Amino acid sequence: MLRTELDQIWYRMTNTDGIDDPTLALLLLGLHEQNRAWKTFDWDTMHRLYANGMISNPVGKARSVVLTAEGITAARDLHARLFRQNVADSDRSAPRSCDSDDQG
């Protein structure tokens, strides 16, 4: 069983899609000037996204990177898949009113 647990840990450590996909989706939230996003994420992750053709080279003085056309499309798809809120969940996240009668 120990071998299986070690295999699972190793898989999680080497499965970078679990990090890269949400990072690419989150870059979409900081999009400005049509295709630029702030590069405030882990450098290794940003380099992998660059190596996969999703963003411009993150190395440099610029504080942002350019998302490629493929990167923008993938980011939109991932954002919808990973962060889309179900209609049933929307009632739970609705803001509550702060009535003075509720405070006690």
PDB file of N, CA and C in Angstrom:
ATOM      1  N   MET A   1       0.820  -1.192   0.000  1.00  0.00           N
ATOM      2  CA  MET A   1       0.000   0.000   0.000  1.00  0.00           C
ATOM      3  C   MET A   1       0.865   1.257   0.000  1.00  0.00           C
ATOM      4  N   LEU A   2       1.996   1.202   0.667  1.00  0.00           N
ATOM      5  CA  LEU A   2       2.878   2.362   0.704  1.00  0.00           C
ATOM      6  C   LEU A   2       3.291   2.760  -0.703  1.00  0.00           C
ATOM      7  N   ARG A   3       3.547   1.785  -1.539  1.00  0.00           N
ATOM      8  CA  ARG A   3       3.931   2.082  -2.923  1.00  0.00           C
ATOM      9  C   ARG A   3       2.817   2.844  -3.631  1.00  0.00           C
ATOM     10  N   THR A   4       1.582   2.474  -3.429  1.00  0.00           N
ATOM     11  CA  THR A   4       0.455   3.150  -4.054  1.00  0.00           C
ATOM     12  C   THR A   4       0.354   4.590  -3.558  1.00  0.00           C
ATOM     13  N   GLU A   5       0.515   4.804  -2.266  1.00  0.00           N
ATOM     14  CA  GLU A   5       0.448   6.154  -1.712  1.00  0.00           C
ATOM     15  C   GLU A   5       1.576   7.022  -2.270  1.00  0.00           C
ATOM     16  N   LEU A   6       2.771   6.460  -2.375  1.00  0.00           N
ATOM     17  CA  LEU A   6       3.887   7.210  -2.941  1.00  0.00           C
ATOM     18  C   LEU A   6       3.643   7.537  -4.402  1.00  0.00           C
ATOM     19  N   ASP A   7       3.064   6.597  -5.132  1.00  0.00           N
ATOM     20  CA  ASP A   7       2.732   6.850  -6.529  1.00  0.00           C
ATOM     21  C   ASP A   7       1.731   7.999  -6.658  1.00  0.00           C
ATOM     22  N   GLN A   8       0.736   8.024  -5.780  1.00  0.00           N
ATOM     23  CA  GLN A   8      -0.258   9.097  -5.822  1.00  0.00           C
ATOM     24  C   GLN A   8       0.370  10.447  -5.501  1.00  0.00           C
ATOM     25  N   ILE A   9       1.237  10.485  -4.519  1.00  0.00           N
ATOM     26  CA  ILE A   9       1.922  11.733  -4.155  1.00  0.00           C
ATOM     27  C   ILE A   9       2.795  12.195  -5.320  1.00  0.00           C
ATOM     28  N   TRP A  10       3.534  11.271  -5.918  1.00  0.00           N
ATOM     29  CA  TRP A  10       4.391  11.620  -7.048  1.00  0.00           C
ATOM     30  C   TRP A  10       3.564  12.147  -8.208  1.00  0.00           C
ATOM     31  N   TYR A  11       2.427  11.518  -8.489  1.00  0.00           N
ATOM     32  CA  TYR A  11       1.567  11.972  -9.574  1.00  0.00           C
ATOM     33  C   TYR A  11       1.091  13.395  -9.312  1.00  0.00           C
ATOM     34  N   ARG A  12       0.653  13.677  -8.080  1.00  0.00           N
ATOM     35  CA  ARG A  12       0.181  15.028  -7.757  1.00  0.00           C
ATOM     36  C   ARG A  12       1.305  16.050  -7.885  1.00  0.00           C
ATOM     37  N   MET A  13       2.517  15.651  -7.536  1.00  0.00           N
ATOM     38  CA  MET A  13       3.655  16.573  -7.619  1.00  0.00           C
ATOM     39  C   MET A  13       4.059  16.839  -9.063  1.00  0.00           C
ATOM     40  N   THR A  14       3.877  15.858  -9.939  1.00  0.00           N
ATOM     41  CA  THR A  14       4.311  16.008 -11.323  1.00  0.00           C
ATOM     42  C   THR A  14       3.174  16.347 -12.265  1.00  0.00           C
ATOM     43  N   ASN A  15       1.940  16.317 -11.813  1.00  0.00           N
ATOM     44  CA  ASN A  15       0.797  16.662 -12.646  1.00  0.00           C
ATOM     45  C   ASN A  15       0.614  18.176 -12.629  1.00  0.00           C
ATOM     46  N   THR A  16       1.371  18.855 -13.470  1.00  0.00           N
ATOM     47  CA  THR A  16       1.360  20.315 -13.456  1.00  0.00           C
ATOM     48  C   THR A  16       0.093  20.900 -14.065  1.00  0.00           C
ATOM     49  N   ASP A  17      -0.704  20.090 -14.794  1.00  0.00           N
ATOM     50  CA  ASP A  17      -1.970  20.604 -15.324  1.00  0.00           C
ATOM     51  C   ASP A  17      -2.875  21.080 -14.202  1.00  0.00           C
ATOM     52  N   GLY A  18      -2.761  20.441 -13.047  1.00  0.00           N
ATOM     53  CA  GLY A  18      -3.576  20.829 -11.902  1.00  0.00           C
ATOM     54  C   GLY A  18      -3.231  22.225 -11.403  1.00  0.00           C
ATOM     55  N   ILE A  19      -2.070  22.730 -11.780  1.00  0.00           N
ATOM     56  CA  ILE A  19      -1.654  24.084 -11.419  1.00  0.00           C
ATOM     57  C   ILE A  19      -1.759  25.008 -12.626  1.00  0.00           C
ATOM     58  N   ASP A  20      -1.307  24.539 -13.768  1.00  0.00           N
ATOM     59  CA  ASP A  20      -1.247  25.385 -14.956  1.00  0.00           C
ATOM     60  C   ASP A  20      -2.634  25.791 -15.466  1.00  0.00           C
ATOM     61  N   ASP A  21      -3.574  24.858 -15.470  1.00  0.00           N
ATOM     62  CA  ASP A  21      -4.913  25.173 -15.987  1.00  0.00           C
ATOM     63  C   ASP A  21      -5.607  26.263 -15.173  1.00  0.00           C
ATOM     64  N   PRO A  22      -5.675  26.150 -13.843  1.00  0.00           N
ATOM     65  CA  PRO A  22      -6.309  27.236 -13.083  1.00  0.00           C
ATOM     66  C   PRO A  22      -5.541  28.556 -13.199  1.00  0.00           C
ATOM     67  N   THR A  23      -4.213  28.493 -13.301  1.00  0.00           N
ATOM     68  CA  THR A  23      -3.429  29.718 -13.443  1.00  0.00           C
ATOM     69  C   THR A  23      -3.768  30.417 -14.741  1.00  0.00           C
ATOM     70  N   LEU A  24      -3.848  29.655 -15.833  1.00  0.00           N
ATOM     71  CA  LEU A  24      -4.216  30.246 -17.121  1.00  0.00           C
ATOM     72  C   LEU A  24      -5.615  30.846 -17.044  1.00  0.00           C
ATOM     73  N   ALA A  25      -6.532  30.149 -16.396  1.00  0.00           N
ATOM     74  CA  ALA A  25      -7.899  30.669 -16.249  1.00  0.00           C
ATOM     75  C   ALA A  25      -7.909  31.951 -15.420  1.00  0.00           C
ATOM     76  N   LEU A  26      -7.087  32.012 -14.382  1.00  0.00           N
ATOM     77  CA  LEU A  26      -7.036  33.204 -13.533  1.00  0.00           C
ATOM     78  C   LEU A  26      -6.350  34.377 -14.226  1.00  0.00           C
ATOM     79  N   LEU A  27      -5.439  34.113 -15.152  1.00  0.00           N
ATOM     80  CA  LEU A  27      -4.826  35.198 -15.916  1.00  0.00           C
ATOM     81  C   LEU A  27      -5.893  35.995 -16.658  1.00  0.00           C
ATOM     82  N   LEU A  28      -6.957  35.326 -17.032  1.00  0.00           N
ATOM     83  CA  LEU A  28      -8.046  35.986 -17.747  1.00  0.00           C
ATOM     84  C   LEU A  28      -8.662  37.102 -16.908  1.00  0.00           C
ATOM     85  N   LEU A  29      -8.671  36.942 -15.597  1.00  0.00           N
ATOM     86  CA  LEU A  29      -9.276  37.949 -14.725  1.00  0.00           C
ATOM     87  C   LEU A  29      -8.478  39.251 -14.696  1.00  0.00           C
ATOM     88  N   GLY A  30      -7.181  39.162 -14.947  1.00  0.00           N
ATOM     89  CA  GLY A  30      -6.350  40.358 -14.946  1.00  0.00           C
ATOM     90  C   GLY A  30      -6.079  40.899 -16.338  1.00  0.00           C
ATOM     91  N   LEU A  31      -6.879  40.481 -17.294  1.00  0.00           N
ATOM     92  CA  LEU A  31      -6.665  40.880 -18.683  1.00  0.00           C
ATOM     93  C   LEU A  31      -6.896  42.376 -18.862  1.00  0.00           C
ATOM     94  N   HIS A  32      -5.974  43.032 -19.546  1.00  0.00           N
ATOM     95  CA  HIS A  32      -6.110  44.447 -19.880  1.00  0.00           C
ATOM     96  C   HIS A  32      -5.478  44.675 -21.243  1.00  0.00           C
ATOM     97  N   GLU A  33      -5.790  45.784 -21.861  1.00  0.00           N
ATOM     98  CA  GLU A  33      -5.283  46.086 -23.205  1.00  0.00           C
ATOM     99  C   GLU A  33      -5.540  44.924 -24.164  1.00  0.00           C
ATOM    100  N   GLN A  34      -6.672  44.309 -24.063  1.00  0.00           N
ATOM    101  CA  GLN A  34      -7.166  43.215 -24.911  1.00  0.00           C
ATOM    102  C   GLN A  34      -6.488  41.876 -24.696  1.00  0.00           C
ATOM    103  N   ASN A  35      -5.169  41.843 -24.530  1.00  0.00           N
ATOM    104  CA  ASN A  35      -4.511  40.538 -24.449  1.00  0.00           C
ATOM    105  C   ASN A  35      -3.348  40.491 -23.460  1.00  0.00           C
ATOM    106  N   ARG A  36      -3.242  41.475 -22.584  1.00  0.00           N
ATOM    107  CA  ARG A  36      -2.162  41.484 -21.596  1.00  0.00           C
ATOM    108  C   ARG A  36      -2.713  41.122 -20.229  1.00  0.00           C
ATOM    109  N   ALA A  37      -1.910  40.406 -19.440  1.00  0.00           N
ATOM    110  CA  ALA A  37      -2.311  40.016 -18.090  1.00  0.00           C
ATOM    111  C   ALA A  37      -1.118  40.199 -17.157  1.00  0.00           C
ATOM    112  N   TRP A  38      -1.409  40.582 -15.937  1.00  0.00           N
ATOM    113  CA  TRP A  38      -0.350  40.765 -14.943  1.00  0.00           C
ATOM    114  C   TRP A  38       0.294  39.419 -14.642  1.00  0.00           C
ATOM    115  N   LYS A  39       1.596  39.406 -14.530  1.00  0.00           N
ATOM    116  CA  LYS A  39       2.318  38.148 -14.304  1.00  0.00           C
ATOM    117  C   LYS A  39       2.668  37.992 -12.822  1.00  0.00           C
ATOM    118  N   THR A  40       1.654  37.808 -12.024  1.00  0.00           N
ATOM    119  CA  THR A  40       1.842  37.710 -10.572  1.00  0.00           C
ATOM    120  C   THR A  40       1.749  36.272 -10.075  1.00  0.00           C
ATOM    121  N   PHE A  41       2.010  35.326 -10.934  1.00  0.00           N
ATOM    122  CA  PHE A  41       1.909  33.919 -10.568  1.00  0.00           C
ATOM    123  C   PHE A  41       3.295  33.284 -10.500  1.00  0.00           C
ATOM    124  N   ASP A  42       3.347  32.072 -10.006  1.00  0.00           N
ATOM    125  CA  ASP A  42       4.579  31.303  -9.860  1.00  0.00           C
ATOM    126  C   ASP A  42       5.374  31.278 -11.167  1.00  0.00           C
ATOM    127  N   TRP A  43       6.684  31.531 -11.073  1.00  0.00           N
ATOM    128  CA  TRP A  43       7.529  31.603 -12.266  1.00  0.00           C
ATOM    129  C   TRP A  43       7.592  30.285 -13.026  1.00  0.00           C
ATOM    130  N   ASP A  44       7.661  29.165 -12.324  1.00  0.00           N
ATOM    131  CA  ASP A  44       7.707  27.872 -13.014  1.00  0.00           C
ATOM    132  C   ASP A  44       6.429  27.649 -13.818  1.00  0.00           C
ATOM    133  N   THR A  45       5.310  28.016 -13.229  1.00  0.00           N
ATOM    134  CA  THR A  45       4.026  27.874 -13.923  1.00  0.00           C
ATOM    135  C   THR A  45       3.981  28.775 -15.149  1.00  0.00           C
ATOM    136  N   MET A  46       4.416  30.016 -14.981  1.00  0.00           N
ATOM    137  CA  MET A  46       4.415  30.949 -16.110  1.00  0.00           C
ATOM    138  C   MET A  46       5.331  30.456 -17.229  1.00  0.00           C
ATOM    139  N   HIS A  47       6.463  29.867 -16.870  1.00  0.00           N
ATOM    140  CA  HIS A  47       7.367  29.344 -17.892  1.00  0.00           C
ATOM    141  C   HIS A  47       6.724  28.184 -18.654  1.00  0.00           C
ATOM    142  N   ARG A  48       6.007  27.308 -17.934  1.00  0.00           N
ATOM    143  CA  ARG A  48       5.329  26.195 -18.615  1.00  0.00           C
ATOM    144  C   ARG A  48       4.247  26.713 -19.557  1.00  0.00           C
ATOM    145  N   LEU A  49       3.513  27.736 -19.127  1.00  0.00           N
ATOM    146  CA  LEU A  49       2.491  28.316 -20.013  1.00  0.00           C
ATOM    147  C   LEU A  49       3.143  28.924 -21.253  1.00  0.00           C
ATOM    148  N   TYR A  50       4.302  29.538 -21.075  1.00  0.00           N
ATOM    149  CA  TYR A  50       5.053  30.083 -22.208  1.00  0.00           C
ATOM    150  C   TYR A  50       5.525  28.955 -23.123  1.00  0.00           C
ATOM    151  N   ALA A  51       6.055  27.892 -22.539  1.00  0.00           N
ATOM    152  CA  ALA A  51       6.551  26.751 -23.323  1.00  0.00           C
ATOM    153  C   ALA A  51       5.426  26.093 -24.114  1.00  0.00           C
ATOM    154  N   ASN A  52       4.196  26.168 -23.587  1.00  0.00           N
ATOM    155  CA  ASN A  52       3.042  25.584 -24.280  1.00  0.00           C
ATOM    156  C   ASN A  52       2.375  26.553 -25.247  1.00  0.00           C
ATOM    157  N   GLY A  53       2.940  27.748 -25.402  1.00  0.00           N
ATOM    158  CA  GLY A  53       2.421  28.703 -26.378  1.00  0.00           C
ATOM    159  C   GLY A  53       1.193  29.476 -25.920  1.00  0.00           C
ATOM    160  N   MET A  54       0.935  29.496 -24.616  1.00  0.00           N
ATOM    161  CA  MET A  54      -0.250  30.192 -24.101  1.00  0.00           C
ATOM    162  C   MET A  54       0.004  31.673 -23.838  1.00  0.00           C
ATOM    163  N   ILE A  55       1.254  32.023 -23.485  1.00  0.00           N
ATOM    164  CA  ILE A  55       1.608  33.406 -23.162  1.00  0.00           C
ATOM    165  C   ILE A  55       2.956  33.741 -23.787  1.00  0.00           C
ATOM    166  N   SER A  56       3.259  35.036 -23.814  1.00  0.00           N
ATOM    167  CA  SER A  56       4.579  35.475 -24.263  1.00  0.00           C
ATOM    168  C   SER A  56       5.602  35.158 -23.181  1.00  0.00           C
ATOM    169  N   ASN A  57       6.862  35.337 -23.507  1.00  0.00           N
ATOM    170  CA  ASN A  57       7.936  35.043 -22.565  1.00  0.00           C
ATOM    171  C   ASN A  57       7.779  35.902 -21.307  1.00  0.00           C
ATOM    172  N   PRO A  58       7.641  35.280 -20.132  1.00  0.00           N
ATOM    173  CA  PRO A  58       7.436  36.053 -18.904  1.00  0.00           C
ATOM    174  C   PRO A  58       8.708  36.704 -18.362  1.00  0.00           C
ATOM    175  N   VAL A  59       9.859  36.332 -18.913  1.00  0.00           N
ATOM    176  CA  VAL A  59      11.119  36.888 -18.433  1.00  0.00           C
ATOM    177  C   VAL A  59      11.314  38.268 -19.064  1.00  0.00           C
ATOM    178  N   GLY A  60      11.524  39.245 -18.226  1.00  0.00           N
ATOM    179  CA  GLY A  60      11.747  40.599 -18.701  1.00  0.00           C
ATOM    180  C   GLY A  60      11.249  41.606 -17.695  1.00  0.00           C
ATOM    181  N   LYS A  61      11.427  42.879 -18.012  1.00  0.00           N
ATOM    182  CA  LYS A  61      11.067  43.945 -17.088  1.00  0.00           C
ATOM    183  C   LYS A  61       9.573  44.249 -17.082  1.00  0.00           C
ATOM    184  N   ALA A  62       8.868  43.873 -18.127  1.00  0.00           N
ATOM    185  CA  ALA A  62       7.431  44.155 -18.195  1.00  0.00           C
ATOM    186  C   ALA A  62       6.710  43.455 -17.049  1.00  0.00           C
ATOM    187  N   ARG A  63       5.707  44.110 -16.508  1.00  0.00           N
ATOM    188  CA  ARG A  63       4.942  43.527 -15.404  1.00  0.00           C
ATOM    189  C   ARG A  63       3.787  42.663 -15.886  1.00  0.00           C
ATOM    190  N   SER A  64       3.649  42.572 -17.187  1.00  0.00           N
ATOM    191  CA  SER A  64       2.558  41.753 -17.719  1.00  0.00           C
ATOM    192  C   SER A  64       3.077  40.899 -18.867  1.00  0.00           C
ATOM    193  N   VAL A  65       2.276  39.908 -19.229  1.00  0.00           N
ATOM    194  CA  VAL A  65       2.577  39.040 -20.366  1.00  0.00           C
ATOM    195  C   VAL A  65       1.438  39.163 -21.361  1.00  0.00           C
ATOM    196  N   VAL A  66       1.705  38.783 -22.585  1.00  0.00           N
ATOM    197  CA  VAL A  66       0.681  38.788 -23.626  1.00  0.00           C
ATOM    198  C   VAL A  66       0.130  37.377 -23.748  1.00  0.00           C
ATOM    199  N   LEU A  67      -1.175  37.244 -23.660  1.00  0.00           N
ATOM    200  CA  LEU A  67      -1.797  35.954 -23.923  1.00  0.00           C
ATOM    201  C   LEU A  67      -1.922  35.798 -25.429  1.00  0.00           C
ATOM    202  N   THR A  68      -1.521  34.658 -25.943  1.00  0.00           N
ATOM    203  CA  THR A  68      -1.672  34.377 -27.363  1.00  0.00           C
ATOM    204  C   THR A  68      -3.151  34.142 -27.657  1.00  0.00           C
ATOM    205  N   ALA A  69      -3.504  34.107 -28.931  1.00  0.00           N
ATOM    206  CA  ALA A  69      -4.896  33.824 -29.299  1.00  0.00           C
ATOM    207  C   ALA A  69      -5.317  32.464 -28.748  1.00  0.00           C
ATOM    208  N   GLU A  70      -4.421  31.485 -28.859  1.00  0.00           N
ATOM    209  CA  GLU A  70      -4.690  30.157 -28.308  1.00  0.00           C
ATOM    210  C   GLU A  70      -4.826  30.221 -26.787  1.00  0.00           C
ATOM    211  N   GLY A  71      -3.992  31.037 -26.157  1.00  0.00           N
ATOM    212  CA  GLY A  71      -4.037  31.190 -24.708  1.00  0.00           C
ATOM    213  C   GLY A  71      -5.336  31.810 -24.226  1.00  0.00           C
ATOM    214  N   ILE A  72      -5.827  32.818 -24.944  1.00  0.00           N
ATOM    215  CA  ILE A  72      -7.090  33.458 -24.563  1.00  0.00           C
ATOM    216  C   ILE A  72      -8.246  32.475 -24.702  1.00  0.00           C
ATOM    217  N   THR A  73      -8.266  31.741 -25.800  1.00  0.00           N
ATOM    218  CA  THR A  73      -9.322  30.745 -26.008  1.00  0.00           C
ATOM    219  C   THR A  73      -9.286  29.680 -24.919  1.00  0.00           C
ATOM    220  N   ALA A  74      -8.107  29.162 -24.637  1.00  0.00           N
ATOM    221  CA  ALA A  74      -7.971  28.133 -23.599  1.00  0.00           C
ATOM    222  C   ALA A  74      -8.340  28.692 -22.231  1.00  0.00           C
ATOM    223  N   ALA A  75      -7.922  29.925 -21.943  1.00  0.00           N
ATOM    224  CA  ALA A  75      -8.224  30.547 -20.649  1.00  0.00           C
ATOM    225  C   ALA A  75      -9.733  30.705 -20.466  1.00  0.00           C
ATOM    226  N   ARG A  76     -10.425  31.122 -21.513  1.00  0.00           N
ATOM    227  CA  ARG A  76     -11.892  31.270 -21.432  1.00  0.00           C
ATOM    228  C   ARG A  76     -12.569  29.922 -21.199  1.00  0.00           C
ATOM    229  N   ASP A  77     -12.132  28.912 -21.920  1.00  0.00           N
ATOM    230  CA  ASP A  77     -12.711  27.574 -21.751  1.00  0.00           C
ATOM    231  C   ASP A  77     -12.442  27.039 -20.343  1.00  0.00           C
ATOM    232  N   LEU A  78     -11.218  27.192 -19.881  1.00  0.00           N
ATOM    233  CA  LEU A  78     -10.869  26.705 -18.542  1.00  0.00           C
ATOM    234  C   LEU A  78     -11.602  27.479 -17.453  1.00  0.00           C
ATOM    235  N   HIS A  79     -11.715  28.786 -17.627  1.00  0.00           N
ATOM    236  CA  HIS A  79     -12.417  29.597 -16.632  1.00  0.00           C
ATOM    237  C   HIS A  79     -13.872  29.150 -16.526  1.00  0.00           C
ATOM    238  N   ALA A  80     -14.505  28.930 -17.662  1.00  0.00           N
ATOM    239  CA  ALA A  80     -15.901  28.475 -17.649  1.00  0.00           C
ATOM    240  C   ALA A  80     -16.027  27.097 -17.006  1.00  0.00           C
ATOM    241  N   ARG A  81     -15.085  26.230 -17.303  1.00  0.00           N
ATOM    242  CA  ARG A  81     -15.150  24.857 -16.774  1.00  0.00           C
ATOM    243  C   ARG A  81     -14.810  24.799 -15.288  1.00  0.00           C
ATOM    244  N   LEU A  82     -13.793  25.541 -14.874  1.00  0.00           N
ATOM    245  CA  LEU A  82     -13.313  25.435 -13.503  1.00  0.00           C
ATOM    246  C   LEU A  82     -14.060  26.322 -12.515  1.00  0.00           C
ATOM    247  N   PHE A  83     -14.524  27.480 -12.974  1.00  0.00           N
ATOM    248  CA  PHE A  83     -15.059  28.456 -12.033  1.00  0.00           C
ATOM    249  C   PHE A  83     -16.519  28.822 -12.260  1.00  0.00           C
ATOM    250  N   ARG A  84     -17.163  28.188 -13.214  1.00  0.00           N
ATOM    251  CA  ARG A  84     -18.570  28.492 -13.455  1.00  0.00           C
ATOM    252  C   ARG A  84     -19.373  28.052 -12.252  1.00  0.00           C
ATOM    253  N   GLN A  85     -20.228  28.922 -11.810  1.00  0.00           N
ATOM    254  CA  GLN A  85     -21.048  28.628 -10.640  1.00  0.00           C
ATOM    255  C   GLN A  85     -22.377  28.046 -11.105  1.00  0.00           C
ATOM    256  N   ASN A  86     -22.769  26.964 -10.480  1.00  0.00           N
ATOM    257  CA  ASN A  86     -24.056  26.362 -10.807  1.00  0.00           C
ATOM    258  C   ASN A  86     -25.177  27.287 -10.374  1.00  0.00           C
ATOM    259  N   VAL A  87     -26.289  27.237 -11.086  1.00  0.00           N
ATOM    260  CA  VAL A  87     -27.437  28.066 -10.746  1.00  0.00           C
ATOM    261  C   VAL A  87     -27.916  27.744  -9.336  1.00  0.00           C
ATOM    262  N   ALA A  88     -27.878  26.492  -8.942  1.00  0.00           N
ATOM    263  CA  ALA A  88     -28.321  26.103  -7.604  1.00  0.00           C
ATOM    264  C   ALA A  88     -27.432  26.714  -6.525  1.00  0.00           C
ATOM    265  N   ASP A  89     -26.157  26.897  -6.819  1.00  0.00           N
ATOM    266  CA  ASP A  89     -25.237  27.482  -5.854  1.00  0.00           C
ATOM    267  C   ASP A  89     -25.376  28.991  -5.755  1.00  0.00           C
ATOM    268  N   SER A  90     -25.986  29.628  -6.754  1.00  0.00           N
ATOM    269  CA  SER A  90     -26.024  31.088  -6.763  1.00  0.00           C
ATOM    270  C   SER A  90     -26.857  31.650  -5.620  1.00  0.00           C
ATOM    271  N   ASP A  91     -27.862  30.917  -5.150  1.00  0.00           N
ATOM    272  CA  ASP A  91     -28.669  31.401  -4.036  1.00  0.00           C
ATOM    273  C   ASP A  91     -27.849  31.478  -2.760  1.00  0.00           C
ATOM    274  N   ARG A  92     -26.934  30.536  -2.581  1.00  0.00           N
ATOM    275  CA  ARG A  92     -26.109  30.519  -1.372  1.00  0.00           C
ATOM    276  C   ARG A  92     -25.093  31.642  -1.355  1.00  0.00           C
ATOM    277  N   SER A  93     -24.681  32.103  -2.525  1.00  0.00           N
ATOM    278  CA  SER A  93     -23.646  33.127  -2.566  1.00  0.00           C
ATOM    279  C   SER A  93     -24.222  34.528  -2.690  1.00  0.00           C
ATOM    280  N   ALA A  94     -25.547  34.641  -2.746  1.00  0.00           N
ATOM    281  CA  ALA A  94     -26.162  35.959  -2.867  1.00  0.00           C
ATOM    282  C   ALA A  94     -25.872  36.772  -1.613  1.00  0.00           C
ATOM    283  N   PRO A  95     -25.588  38.061  -1.792  1.00  0.00           N
ATOM    284  CA  PRO A  95     -25.300  38.882  -0.625  1.00  0.00           C
ATOM    285  C   PRO A  95     -26.512  38.969   0.289  1.00  0.00           C
ATOM    286  N   ARG A  96     -26.232  38.971   1.563  1.00  0.00           N
ATOM    287  CA  ARG A  96     -27.303  39.075   2.545  1.00  0.00           C
ATOM    288  C   ARG A  96     -27.427  40.516   2.981  1.00  0.00           C
ATOM    289  N   SER A  97     -28.651  40.915   3.263  1.00  0.00           N
ATOM    290  CA  SER A  97     -28.836  42.279   3.737  1.00  0.00           C
ATOM    291  C   SER A  97     -28.453  42.359   5.212  1.00  0.00           C
ATOM    292  N   CYS A  98     -27.980  43.493   5.607  1.00  0.00           N
ATOM    293  CA  CYS A  98     -27.571  43.709   6.985  1.00  0.00           C
ATOM    294  C   CYS A  98     -28.622  44.564   7.672  1.00  0.00           C
ATOM    295  N   ASP A  99     -29.636  43.903   8.229  1.00  0.00           N
ATOM    296  CA  ASP A  99     -30.668  44.626   8.951  1.00  0.00           C
ATOM    297  C   ASP A  99     -30.223  44.833  10.381  1.00  0.00           C
ATOM    298  N   SER A 100     -30.548  45.986  10.927  1.00  0.00           N
ATOM    299  CA  SER A 100     -30.153  46.274  12.299  1.00  0.00           C
ATOM    300  C   SER A 100     -30.906  45.374  13.280  1.00  0.00           C
ATOM    301  N   ASP A 101     -32.065  44.821  12.873  1.00  0.00           N
ATOM    302  CA  ASP A 101     -32.830  43.926  13.732  1.00  0.00           C
ATOM    303  C   ASP A 101     -32.129  42.592  13.924  1.00  0.00           C
ATOM    304  N   ASP A 102     -31.295  42.193  12.950  1.00  0.00           N
ATOM    305  CA  ASP A 102     -30.602  40.908  13.040  1.00  0.00           C
ATOM    306  C   ASP A 102     -29.440  40.939  14.024  1.00  0.00           C
ATOM    307  N   GLN A 103     -28.958  42.105  14.340  1.00  0.00           N
ATOM    308  CA  GLN A 103     -27.813  42.195  15.247  1.00  0.00           C
ATOM    309  C   GLN A 103     -28.301  42.158  16.664  1.00  0.00           C
ATOM    310  N   GLY A 104     -27.594  41.423  17.476  1.00  0.00           N
ATOM    311  CA  GLY A 104     -28.173  41.310  18.689  1.00  0.00           C
ATOM    312  C   GLY A 104     -27.665  41.447  19.967  1.00  0.00           C
TER     313      GLY A 104
END
